[in-house]
C-alpha cells in the first residue's frame, strides 16, 4: 500500500505536538501545550482533541519521537511487540519523557491501524568518538554518554548546507536552548560531542534540571532523600527554578522579572552556555560557526546577546538589528557565521519515517522538501 500521508507525534511530559504531512505537500500542525500534570488522563484528552482536529485527515503511517533509543544506532525503527518491550525497558533512563513517548504510541495504536515508527533522539550522536562516549567509570558498569535532542540536531544538519554552503562541514556548535537544553559539536555535519550524557538531566542547567553536578552533591542528596523524592528533585526542582529561588522555570518570565534571583538565574544560564561553547572550541581546536535553535535560542535576542557578546575572542559578533529581528543570519559582517535555525523535529521525524518505510517497501511518501 502506498503511503499517502504521515502523522508525526511528539508526546512529551507536558505537551503534545503533532504534524500531518499530506501527499499534496500540505502540512498541518497541531499543538496542545501545558496539558497538565494529570498524566495520563490529560494526555488522553489532548489525543481526543487531536482526533477532533484531524477531522477527515487520517494518516497512513505514524512517526513518534522517543527521547531515548538505548544502544541502537538506527535513527528510526518500526515498532513491533519486541521493539516496544525494548523501549519500555529504557524508561528509567529518561523518566521525564519516555512515559509520554510510550503513551503517544499506545494512543495512536488504538486509533490508527497503520505502521508505527519510533525515531530516536539519541541516534544522531552514534557518530561520537570514544573520547566523547566514554564515562570515567568502570567499563563493566555498562554506562556511557548518549546525548539527546538528536532529531532536531539532525534537522539543523540537514538545513545548514542550504544556509552557509561549504562552511556547513566545518566545526559547528549548535545550541538547542529550551526547557530542555543541550549543545552539540558537529564536524562534517555529524555529532562528535554533546553536553548531555547518560540521561537528559546532564549538561547545562535547564528549566527544572540542574545539568552537571559534583557527584558528591548527588551522594549527599541520596543520604537525605529516598529514591523517589530524589528523582522528583532531580527532574522537577533544580535548574532555573532553583537558581531563581523558585520564581520560575521558564526563561521569558525570568527575563521580564526585576528580582535579583531572576537576574542571577539568567546570568548563570548564559555563563554556562558560554562555558560549553568554549569547551568545544578547546576540544576541536577552534569552531567555525554557531547555531541557535529551540524555544529560547530561536526567540530570545537578549539571551543570544548575553551568550555571544563575550565570545568576540572566538571570532563571533552579533549584528544588533539582525539579532533583534530574529533573522536567520545573525552575525556582523566580520563575524564567523552565527545562525538562527527554527527547530522542526516534526519534519525530521517525517523524513526518518519515510526512509524506514521505503526500505521496507512501504511505497511512496509525501513530499517533504
Protein backbone atom coordinates (compact mmCIF):
# COMPACT_ATOMS: atom_id res chain seq x y z
CA UNK A 1 0.00 0.00 0.00
CA UNK A 2 1.38 3.38 -0.96
CA UNK A 3 1.94 5.76 1.93
CA UNK A 4 -0.04 8.92 1.21
CA UNK A 5 0.27 10.82 4.46
CA UNK A 6 2.43 10.80 7.59
CA UNK A 7 1.48 11.88 11.10
CA UNK A 8 4.28 12.81 13.49
CA UNK A 9 3.78 12.68 17.24
CA UNK A 10 5.88 14.32 19.96
CA UNK A 11 4.14 13.32 23.16
CA UNK A 12 6.19 14.84 25.94
CA UNK A 13 5.90 15.30 29.67
CA UNK A 14 3.63 18.36 29.49
CA UNK A 15 2.63 18.80 25.85
CA UNK A 16 1.51 17.06 22.70
CA UNK A 17 2.82 18.26 19.34
CA UNK A 18 1.76 16.68 16.07
CA UNK A 19 2.07 17.42 12.36
CA UNK A 20 0.35 15.84 9.38
CA UNK A 21 2.28 15.74 6.10
CA UNK A 22 -0.10 15.09 3.20
CA UNK A 23 0.52 13.71 -0.27
CA UNK A 24 -0.31 17.07 -1.88
CA UNK A 25 2.59 18.70 0.02
CA UNK A 26 0.34 20.40 2.56
CA UNK A 27 1.27 20.37 6.22
CA UNK A 28 -0.98 20.73 9.24
CA UNK A 29 0.49 21.46 12.69
CA UNK A 30 -1.24 20.76 15.99
CA UNK A 31 -0.09 21.98 19.40
CA UNK A 32 -1.55 21.16 22.79
CA UNK A 33 0.68 22.90 25.31
CA UNK A 34 0.66 22.69 29.10
CA UNK A 35 -1.68 19.71 29.14
CA UNK A 36 -1.22 19.48 32.89
CA UNK A 37 0.33 17.20 35.47
CA UNK A 38 -2.57 14.72 35.50
CA UNK A 39 -0.74 12.14 33.40
CA UNK A 40 -2.00 10.15 31.56
CA UNK A 41 -5.56 11.49 31.75
CA UNK A 42 -4.63 14.95 30.50
CA UNK A 43 -2.63 13.48 27.61
CA UNK A 44 -5.60 11.30 26.70
CA UNK A 45 -7.72 14.43 26.46
CA UNK A 46 -5.08 16.01 24.20
CA UNK A 47 -5.23 12.99 21.90
CA UNK A 48 -9.02 13.25 21.81
CA UNK A 49 -8.60 16.88 20.76
CA UNK A 50 -6.12 15.85 18.09
CA UNK A 51 -8.58 13.30 16.66
CA UNK A 52 -11.24 16.01 16.53
CA UNK A 53 -8.91 18.50 14.88
CA UNK A 54 -7.67 16.00 12.30
CA UNK A 55 -11.29 15.63 11.15
CA UNK A 56 -11.27 13.54 7.96
CA UNK A 57 -7.49 13.51 7.60
CA UNK A 58 -6.16 10.09 8.51
CA UNK A 59 -2.50 9.03 8.26
CA UNK A 60 -1.08 6.01 6.51
CA UNK A 61 1.82 5.86 8.99
CA UNK A 62 2.72 7.49 12.30
CA UNK A 63 6.18 8.53 13.48
CA UNK A 64 6.94 9.08 17.17
CA UNK A 65 9.72 10.97 18.90
CA UNK A 66 11.48 8.85 21.51
CA UNK A 67 13.93 10.70 23.70
CA UNK A 68 16.00 7.57 24.41
CA UNK A 69 16.77 4.81 21.94
CA UNK A 70 19.32 2.97 24.06
CA UNK A 71 22.37 1.49 22.36
CA UNK A 72 20.91 1.15 18.87
CA UNK A 73 22.45 3.29 16.12
CA UNK A 74 19.30 3.17 13.95
CA UNK A 75 17.73 6.60 13.58
CA UNK A 76 14.26 5.02 13.43
CA UNK A 77 12.62 1.61 13.72
CA UNK A 78 9.18 0.16 13.05
CA UNK A 79 7.61 -0.74 16.37
CA UNK A 80 6.54 -4.33 16.88
CA UNK A 81 5.99 -6.09 20.21
CA UNK A 82 9.70 -6.75 20.73
CA UNK A 83 10.68 -3.16 19.95
CA UNK A 84 8.00 -1.80 22.28
CA UNK A 85 9.28 -4.03 25.09
CA UNK A 86 12.82 -2.73 24.45
CA UNK A 87 11.61 0.87 24.63
CA UNK A 88 9.73 0.18 27.86
CA UNK A 89 12.97 -1.11 29.38
CA UNK A 90 14.57 2.32 28.84
CA UNK A 91 12.06 4.38 30.85
CA UNK A 92 14.42 4.71 33.82
CA UNK A 93 16.96 6.49 31.59
CA UNK A 94 14.55 9.32 30.74
CA UNK A 95 11.70 9.22 33.28
CA UNK A 96 10.55 12.74 32.46
CA UNK A 97 9.99 11.93 28.77
CA UNK A 98 9.68 8.23 28.00
CA UNK A 99 6.30 7.63 29.69
CA UNK A 100 4.74 10.33 27.49
CA UNK A 101 6.51 8.95 24.41
CA UNK A 102 5.16 5.45 25.09
CA UNK A 103 1.70 6.80 25.88
CA UNK A 104 1.62 8.51 22.48
CA UNK A 105 2.50 5.21 20.82
CA UNK A 106 -0.31 3.47 22.70
CA UNK A 107 -2.86 6.15 21.85
CA UNK A 108 -2.03 6.02 18.14
CA UNK A 109 -2.14 2.24 18.01
CA UNK A 110 -5.67 2.38 19.42
CA UNK A 111 -6.77 4.95 16.84
CA UNK A 112 -4.83 4.06 13.66
CA UNK A 113 -4.25 0.58 12.19
CA UNK A 114 -1.11 1.74 10.36
CA UNK A 115 2.67 1.30 10.76
CA UNK A 116 4.10 2.98 13.85
CA UNK A 117 7.73 4.11 13.70
CA UNK A 118 9.91 5.19 16.63
CA UNK A 119 12.51 7.92 15.95
CA UNK A 120 15.33 8.28 18.47
CA UNK A 121 16.89 11.47 19.85
CA UNK A 122 20.00 9.55 20.84
CA UNK A 123 20.76 8.14 17.38
CA UNK A 124 22.32 11.30 15.90
CA UNK A 125 25.10 11.02 18.49
CA UNK A 126 26.03 7.46 17.50
CA UNK A 127 28.86 9.00 15.44
CA UNK A 128 30.60 10.38 18.53
CA UNK A 129 34.13 9.04 19.05
CA UNK A 130 35.06 7.01 22.12
CA UNK A 131 36.52 10.10 23.83
CA UNK A 132 33.02 11.62 23.78
CA UNK A 133 31.08 8.44 24.59
CA UNK A 134 33.17 7.04 27.44
CA UNK A 135 32.49 7.85 31.09
CA UNK A 136 35.40 7.72 33.58
CA UNK A 137 33.82 4.81 35.46
CA UNK A 138 34.49 1.04 35.28
CA UNK A 139 33.55 -0.26 31.84
CA UNK A 140 31.75 -3.27 33.30
CA UNK A 141 29.03 -0.96 34.70
CA UNK A 142 27.76 -0.64 31.14
CA UNK A 143 27.06 3.10 31.21
CA UNK A 144 28.10 5.70 28.67
CA UNK A 145 27.23 9.14 27.33
CA UNK A 146 24.35 9.05 24.84
CA UNK A 147 23.41 12.65 24.07
CA UNK A 148 19.92 13.92 23.26
CA UNK A 149 17.94 16.40 21.13
CA UNK A 150 19.34 14.44 18.19
CA UNK A 151 16.25 14.67 16.00
CA UNK A 152 16.50 18.45 15.96
CA UNK A 153 20.28 18.35 15.56
CA UNK A 154 19.71 16.14 12.51
CA UNK A 155 17.26 18.73 11.19
CA UNK A 156 19.81 21.51 11.69
CA UNK A 157 22.49 19.44 9.94
CA UNK A 158 20.09 18.90 7.04
CA UNK A 159 19.45 22.65 6.74
CA UNK A 160 22.98 24.00 7.20
CA UNK A 161 24.36 23.44 3.66
CA UNK A 162 21.50 25.44 2.18
CA UNK A 163 22.21 28.33 4.57
CA UNK A 164 26.03 28.59 4.66
CA UNK A 165 27.18 26.30 1.85
CA UNK A 166 30.55 24.59 2.20
CA UNK A 167 31.12 26.14 5.63
CA UNK A 168 28.50 23.71 6.96
CA UNK A 169 31.04 20.87 7.04
CA UNK A 170 33.28 22.78 9.46
CA UNK A 171 33.31 22.74 13.25
CA UNK A 172 29.82 23.95 14.13
CA UNK A 173 28.39 24.32 17.64
CA UNK A 174 24.60 24.05 17.80
CA UNK A 175 22.90 25.34 20.95
CA UNK A 176 19.47 23.80 21.43
CA UNK A 177 18.11 26.04 24.18
CA UNK A 178 14.67 25.48 25.65
CA UNK A 179 13.08 23.99 28.75
CA UNK A 180 15.45 21.15 27.99
CA UNK A 181 18.79 22.42 26.72
CA UNK A 182 21.99 20.99 25.29
CA UNK A 183 24.77 21.78 22.86
CA UNK A 184 26.28 19.66 20.11
CA UNK A 185 29.63 19.95 18.36
CA UNK A 186 29.37 18.89 14.71
CA UNK A 187 32.12 18.19 12.22
CA UNK A 188 31.20 17.21 8.66
CA UNK A 189 27.57 17.56 9.76
CA UNK A 190 27.95 14.73 12.28
CA UNK A 191 27.93 14.78 16.05
CA UNK A 192 31.37 14.49 17.61
CA UNK A 193 30.48 15.73 21.11
CA UNK A 194 27.49 16.94 23.11
CA UNK A 195 26.81 18.39 26.53
CA UNK A 196 24.21 15.88 27.75
CA UNK A 197 25.36 12.47 28.88
CA UNK A 198 23.86 9.22 30.17
CA UNK A 199 20.47 10.85 30.75
CA UNK A 200 18.76 14.13 29.71
CA UNK A 201 19.49 15.51 33.19
CA UNK A 202 23.14 16.32 32.45
CA UNK A 203 24.99 19.14 30.74
CA UNK A 204 23.99 22.79 31.13
CA UNK A 205 21.22 23.99 33.52
CA UNK A 206 17.67 23.70 32.19
CA UNK A 207 14.20 24.69 33.32
CA UNK A 208 13.95 22.19 36.17
CA UNK A 209 17.09 20.08 35.64
CA UNK A 210 20.47 21.05 37.09
CA UNK A 211 22.78 19.84 34.39
CA UNK A 212 26.15 18.50 35.53
CA UNK A 213 26.74 18.35 39.28
CA UNK A 214 29.61 17.31 41.53
CA UNK A 215 28.95 13.59 42.17
CA UNK A 216 29.44 14.32 45.86
CA UNK A 217 26.35 16.55 45.77
CA UNK A 218 24.24 13.66 44.48
CA UNK A 219 25.73 11.30 47.09
CA UNK A 220 24.83 13.75 49.84
CA UNK A 221 21.31 14.22 48.43
CA UNK A 222 20.93 10.43 48.26
CA UNK A 223 21.67 10.34 52.00
CA UNK A 224 18.98 12.95 52.67
CA UNK A 225 16.20 11.74 50.39
CA UNK A 226 14.63 8.48 49.33
CA UNK A 227 14.94 7.36 45.71
CA UNK A 228 11.52 8.64 44.62
CA UNK A 229 11.95 12.06 46.25
CA UNK A 230 15.48 12.40 44.87
CA UNK A 231 14.16 11.63 41.37
CA UNK A 232 11.49 14.35 41.75
CA UNK A 233 14.12 16.79 42.98
CA UNK A 234 16.48 15.95 40.11
CA UNK A 235 13.93 16.34 37.33
CA UNK A 236 11.44 18.87 38.71
CA UNK A 237 13.06 21.20 41.30
CA UNK A 238 16.52 22.10 40.03
CA UNK A 239 17.83 24.26 37.17
CA UNK A 240 16.40 27.73 36.53
CA UNK A 241 13.64 27.09 39.05
CA UNK A 242 16.18 26.54 41.83
CA UNK A 243 18.57 29.28 40.66
CA UNK A 244 15.72 31.82 40.75
CA UNK A 245 14.77 30.70 44.29
CA UNK A 246 11.56 29.17 42.98
CA UNK A 247 10.41 32.16 40.92
CA UNK A 248 10.11 30.38 37.57
CA UNK A 249 11.49 27.55 35.45
CA UNK A 250 10.73 29.46 32.22
CA UNK A 251 13.09 31.95 30.64
CA UNK A 252 10.52 34.50 29.42
CA UNK A 253 9.17 35.45 32.88
CA UNK A 254 12.69 35.44 34.32
CA UNK A 255 13.77 37.96 31.68
CA UNK A 256 10.76 40.14 32.47
CA UNK A 257 11.29 39.94 36.23
CA UNK A 258 13.16 42.64 38.14
CA UNK A 259 14.17 40.40 41.01
CA UNK A 260 17.79 39.70 41.86
CA UNK A 261 17.08 35.98 41.89
CA UNK A 262 15.69 36.02 38.34
CA UNK A 263 18.66 38.02 37.06
CA UNK A 264 21.05 35.61 38.76
CA UNK A 265 19.34 32.61 37.12
CA UNK A 266 19.53 34.19 33.65
CA UNK A 267 23.17 35.22 34.06
CA UNK A 268 24.09 31.78 35.39
CA UNK A 269 22.42 30.05 32.44
CA UNK A 270 24.19 32.22 29.83
CA UNK A 271 27.53 31.79 31.58
CA UNK A 272 27.19 28.00 31.47
CA UNK A 273 26.21 28.03 27.79
CA UNK A 274 29.29 30.14 27.03
CA UNK A 275 31.41 27.73 29.05
CA UNK A 276 30.14 24.79 26.98
CA UNK A 277 30.89 26.66 23.73
CA UNK A 278 34.38 27.45 24.97
CA UNK A 279 34.97 23.83 25.95
CA UNK A 280 34.00 22.65 22.48
CA UNK A 281 36.32 25.25 20.94
CA UNK A 282 39.18 23.93 23.08
CA UNK A 283 38.42 20.30 22.20
CA UNK A 284 38.12 20.97 18.47
CA UNK A 285 40.95 23.49 18.18
CA UNK A 286 38.52 26.26 17.29
CA UNK A 287 34.97 26.49 15.95
CA UNK A 288 33.75 27.82 12.61
CA UNK A 289 30.08 28.56 13.26
CA UNK A 290 27.42 28.88 15.94
CA UNK A 291 23.73 27.98 15.62
CA UNK A 292 20.88 28.83 17.98
CA UNK A 293 17.74 26.70 17.98
CA UNK A 294 14.99 25.65 20.40
CA UNK A 295 12.43 27.89 22.09
CA UNK A 296 14.90 30.14 23.91
CA UNK A 297 17.55 30.04 21.22
CA UNK A 298 15.09 30.99 18.49
CA UNK A 299 13.08 33.66 20.25
CA UNK A 300 15.27 35.47 22.79
CA UNK A 301 17.54 38.08 21.23
CA UNK A 302 18.61 39.08 24.74
CA UNK A 303 19.84 35.60 25.63
CA UNK A 304 21.69 35.28 22.32
CA UNK A 305 23.37 38.61 23.01
CA UNK A 306 24.34 37.67 26.54
CA UNK A 307 25.89 34.45 25.23
CA UNK A 308 27.65 35.90 22.19
CA UNK A 309 28.92 39.27 23.40
CA UNK A 310 31.83 37.77 25.40
CA UNK A 311 32.74 35.41 22.53
CA UNK A 312 34.47 38.02 20.38
CA UNK A 313 37.79 36.32 21.18
CA UNK A 314 36.46 33.27 19.26
CA UNK A 315 35.52 35.39 16.25
CA UNK A 316 31.79 35.75 16.92
CA UNK A 317 29.91 39.05 16.94
CA UNK A 318 26.20 39.64 16.50
CA UNK A 319 24.66 42.20 14.20
CA UNK A 320 22.32 44.04 16.58
CA UNK A 321 19.50 44.56 14.08
CA UNK A 322 19.61 41.02 12.67
CA UNK A 323 19.57 39.63 16.18
CA UNK A 324 16.71 41.88 17.26
CA UNK A 325 14.68 40.90 14.17
CA UNK A 326 15.26 37.16 14.69
CA UNK A 327 16.77 36.70 11.23
CA UNK A 328 18.43 33.50 10.07
CA UNK A 329 21.88 35.09 9.68
CA UNK A 330 22.73 36.92 12.90
CA UNK A 331 26.44 37.64 12.58
CA UNK A 332 28.08 41.00 11.98
CA UNK A 333 29.92 41.49 8.69
CA UNK A 334 33.32 40.42 10.05
CA UNK A 335 31.96 37.62 12.26
CA UNK A 336 32.10 33.90 11.78
CA UNK A 337 28.61 32.59 10.93
CA UNK A 338 26.01 32.90 13.70
CA UNK A 339 22.67 31.42 12.70
CA UNK A 340 19.15 31.04 13.99
CA UNK A 341 17.50 27.87 12.69
CA UNK A 342 13.99 27.10 13.87
CA UNK A 343 13.59 23.67 15.43
CA UNK A 344 11.49 21.32 13.32
CA UNK A 345 11.58 17.88 14.86
CA UNK A 346 8.30 17.05 13.16
CA UNK A 347 9.71 17.40 9.64
CA UNK A 348 12.78 15.38 10.57
CA UNK A 349 10.60 12.64 12.05
CA UNK A 350 8.63 12.55 8.79
CA UNK A 351 11.88 12.20 6.83
CA UNK A 352 13.04 9.35 9.07
CA UNK A 353 9.69 7.55 8.82
CA UNK A 354 9.72 7.89 5.04
CA UNK A 355 13.19 6.34 4.95
CA UNK A 356 12.13 3.39 7.11
CA UNK A 357 9.03 2.70 5.04
CA UNK A 358 10.90 2.96 1.75
CA UNK A 359 13.46 0.44 2.96
CA UNK A 360 10.68 -1.93 3.99
CA UNK A 361 8.73 -1.50 0.76
CA UNK A 362 6.16 0.88 2.24
CA UNK A 363 5.65 2.70 -1.05
CA UNK A 364 5.58 6.36 -1.94
CA UNK A 365 5.73 9.03 0.74
CA UNK A 366 4.57 12.65 0.74
CA UNK A 367 6.91 15.39 -0.46
CA UNK A 368 9.00 16.72 2.43
CA UNK A 369 11.21 19.34 0.83
